[in-house]
Amino acid sequence: MSDLDESFQQAQVDVKTLTTKPSNDDLLSLYSLYKQGSKGDVDGKRPGRLDMVNRAKYDAWAKLEGTGQDSAKQSYVDLVSRLLGK
């Protein structure tokens, strides 16, 4: 396992220790970067208009289409570090 993969896994643990809830924008960034880093480009159908939460998540992930998984993992680690104040 690479150092980046280990850092990515540690960030997934660390994010659960946040003492304050991140902003909605940060939450969407965390979600989309995690999905891009772990699964790659978005797939499946875009949720309908009435499913606003899942539609926002899908759209945030879709914006990262073409971003490499390693790049997304590093961005996720950096964001978690920033949120933790490291």
Protein backbone atom coordinates (compact mmCIF):
# COMPACT_ATOMS: atom_id res chain seq x y z
CA MET A 1 0.00 0.00 0.00
CA SER A 2 1.34 3.41 -0.93
CA ASP A 3 1.86 6.32 1.45
CA LEU A 4 -0.98 8.17 -0.29
CA ASP A 5 -3.38 5.26 0.23
CA GLU A 6 -2.42 5.11 3.91
CA SER A 7 -2.91 8.87 4.27
CA PHE A 8 -6.28 8.60 2.49
CA GLN A 9 -7.43 5.86 4.87
CA GLN A 10 -6.19 7.81 7.89
CA ALA A 11 -8.04 10.92 6.68
CA GLN A 12 -11.24 8.86 6.52
CA VAL A 13 -10.75 8.02 10.21
CA ASP A 14 -9.65 11.54 11.17
CA VAL A 15 -12.66 13.24 9.54
CA LYS A 16 -14.92 11.45 12.02
CA THR A 17 -13.13 13.24 14.88
CA LEU A 18 -14.12 16.76 13.77
CA THR A 19 -15.58 18.68 16.69
CA THR A 20 -17.63 21.06 14.54
CA LYS A 21 -19.77 20.25 11.53
CA PRO A 22 -18.16 21.39 8.27
CA SER A 23 -20.02 23.78 5.99
CA ASN A 24 -22.27 22.31 3.30
CA ASP A 25 -19.66 23.19 0.67
CA ASP A 26 -16.96 21.37 2.64
CA LEU A 27 -19.25 18.37 3.14
CA LEU A 28 -19.91 18.18 -0.60
CA SER A 29 -16.18 18.48 -1.27
CA LEU A 30 -15.41 15.71 1.20
CA TYR A 31 -18.04 13.47 -0.39
CA SER A 32 -17.03 14.13 -3.98
CA LEU A 33 -13.29 13.83 -3.35
CA TYR A 34 -13.82 10.60 -1.41
CA LYS A 35 -15.94 9.11 -4.20
CA GLN A 36 -13.54 10.23 -6.96
CA GLY A 37 -10.56 8.93 -4.99
CA SER A 38 -12.10 5.57 -4.18
CA LYS A 39 -14.28 4.83 -7.23
CA GLY A 40 -13.21 7.15 -10.05
CA ASP A 41 -15.58 9.03 -12.34
CA VAL A 42 -19.25 9.27 -11.48
CA ASP A 43 -21.58 6.65 -12.92
CA GLY A 44 -25.29 5.98 -12.91
CA LYS A 45 -28.20 8.30 -13.49
CA ARG A 46 -28.44 11.77 -12.02
CA PRO A 47 -31.10 11.83 -9.26
CA GLY A 48 -34.35 13.64 -10.01
CA ARG A 49 -35.19 17.22 -9.09
CA LEU A 50 -37.04 16.25 -5.94
CA ASP A 51 -34.06 14.36 -4.51
CA MET A 52 -32.08 17.54 -3.83
CA VAL A 53 -29.49 16.11 -1.44
CA ASN A 54 -28.44 13.19 -3.63
CA ARG A 55 -28.61 15.39 -6.72
CA ALA A 56 -26.18 17.88 -5.10
CA LYS A 57 -23.85 15.01 -4.18
CA TYR A 58 -24.00 13.61 -7.70
CA ASP A 59 -23.34 17.03 -9.25
CA ALA A 60 -20.37 17.68 -6.94
CA TRP A 61 -18.87 14.31 -7.87
CA ALA A 62 -19.58 14.85 -11.58
CA LYS A 63 -17.59 18.12 -11.49
CA LEU A 64 -14.49 16.04 -10.70
CA GLU A 65 -14.87 13.86 -13.80
CA GLY A 66 -11.48 13.26 -15.37
CA THR A 67 -9.61 13.99 -12.12
CA GLY A 68 -7.15 11.21 -11.33
CA GLN A 69 -7.84 9.08 -8.28
CA ASP A 70 -4.47 9.92 -6.72
CA SER A 71 -5.11 13.64 -7.19
CA ALA A 72 -8.55 13.32 -5.58
CA LYS A 73 -7.10 11.31 -2.68
CA GLN A 74 -4.45 13.97 -2.05
CA SER A 75 -7.07 16.75 -2.19
CA TYR A 76 -9.23 14.80 0.29
CA VAL A 77 -6.28 14.39 2.68
CA ASP A 78 -5.45 18.11 2.36
CA LEU A 79 -9.06 19.14 3.02
CA VAL A 80 -9.36 16.92 6.10
CA SER A 81 -6.07 18.35 7.40
CA ARG A 82 -7.36 21.90 6.86
CA LEU A 83 -10.62 21.12 8.64
CA LEU A 84 -8.72 19.63 11.56
CA GLY A 85 -6.49 22.70 11.72
CA LYS A 86 -3.30 20.76 11.01
